[in-house]
Amino acid sequence: MKGTAQVRISHITKFEKPTMQGTAWEDAKGATVMHVGRFGKLSLAQPSLLDNQRQTRLPD
C-alpha cells in the first residue's frame, strides 16, 4: 500500500470433498493486509504494538 509499511496479499482458498454423486467444491477469494517490519518480516499486527515492553497488563 503506497506510503505505508503495509502490503495487501490476495489469496484464494479452495476446498473439495468427494460425494456419492461426484465432487462438491467451493472457493473463496479474499485479501489480507499485513505489516512489513524490519528486514521484511511480515506480521498481522503493527510490530511496535507487539513489543512486550509497550503492552500493558491487566490486573488479575
Protein backbone atom coordinates (compact mmCIF):
# COMPACT_ATOMS: atom_id res chain seq x y z
CA MET A 1 0.00 0.00 0.00
CA LYS A 2 1.66 3.15 -1.20
CA GLY A 3 3.02 5.44 1.50
CA THR A 4 2.73 2.86 4.32
CA ALA A 5 4.67 -0.12 5.67
CA GLN A 6 1.84 -2.44 4.66
CA VAL A 7 1.14 -4.85 1.82
CA ARG A 8 -2.12 -6.39 0.67
CA ILE A 9 -1.90 -10.11 -0.07
CA SER A 10 -4.64 -11.57 -2.27
CA HIS A 11 -5.50 -15.23 -1.79
CA ILE A 12 -7.91 -17.91 -2.94
CA THR A 13 -8.94 -20.79 -0.69
CA LYS A 14 -10.27 -23.90 -2.41
CA PHE A 15 -11.99 -26.83 -0.71
CA GLU A 16 -13.03 -30.06 -2.41
CA LYS A 17 -14.66 -33.20 -1.00
CA PRO A 18 -15.96 -36.39 -2.59
CA THR A 19 -19.70 -37.14 -2.57
CA MET A 20 -21.83 -40.07 -3.71
CA GLN A 21 -22.59 -38.27 -7.00
CA GLY A 22 -19.08 -36.89 -7.66
CA THR A 23 -17.32 -33.98 -6.04
CA ALA A 24 -18.51 -30.94 -4.11
CA TRP A 25 -16.23 -27.91 -4.06
CA GLU A 26 -16.16 -24.28 -3.07
CA ASP A 27 -13.67 -21.46 -3.24
CA ALA A 28 -13.36 -18.12 -1.52
CA LYS A 29 -11.36 -15.09 -2.62
CA GLY A 30 -10.02 -12.58 -0.15
CA ALA A 31 -7.23 -10.21 0.77
CA THR A 32 -5.25 -9.70 3.95
CA VAL A 33 -3.36 -6.55 4.90
CA MET A 34 -0.01 -7.31 6.54
CA HIS A 35 2.53 -5.02 8.15
CA VAL A 36 6.13 -5.10 6.96
CA GLY A 37 8.68 -4.91 9.77
CA ARG A 38 12.44 -4.84 9.93
CA PHE A 39 14.22 -6.95 7.31
CA GLY A 40 10.90 -7.55 5.51
CA LYS A 41 9.29 -9.59 8.31
CA LEU A 42 5.51 -9.83 7.77
CA SER A 43 3.03 -9.56 10.65
CA LEU A 44 -0.75 -9.30 11.01
CA ALA A 45 -0.34 -6.54 13.62
CA GLN A 46 1.89 -3.49 13.64
CA PRO A 47 5.25 -4.70 15.03
CA SER A 48 5.54 -1.86 17.57
CA LEU A 49 2.21 -2.95 19.13
CA LEU A 50 3.57 -6.45 19.73
CA ASP A 51 6.54 -5.21 21.79
CA ASN A 52 6.16 -6.71 25.30
CA GLN A 53 7.56 -3.59 26.95
CA ARG A 54 4.89 -1.38 25.37
CA GLN A 55 1.95 -3.62 26.28
CA THR A 56 0.03 -3.03 29.47
CA ARG A 57 -1.00 -5.95 31.64
CA LEU A 58 -4.48 -6.25 33.06
CA PRO A 59 -4.65 -6.90 36.80
CA ASP A 60 -5.65 -10.42 37.86
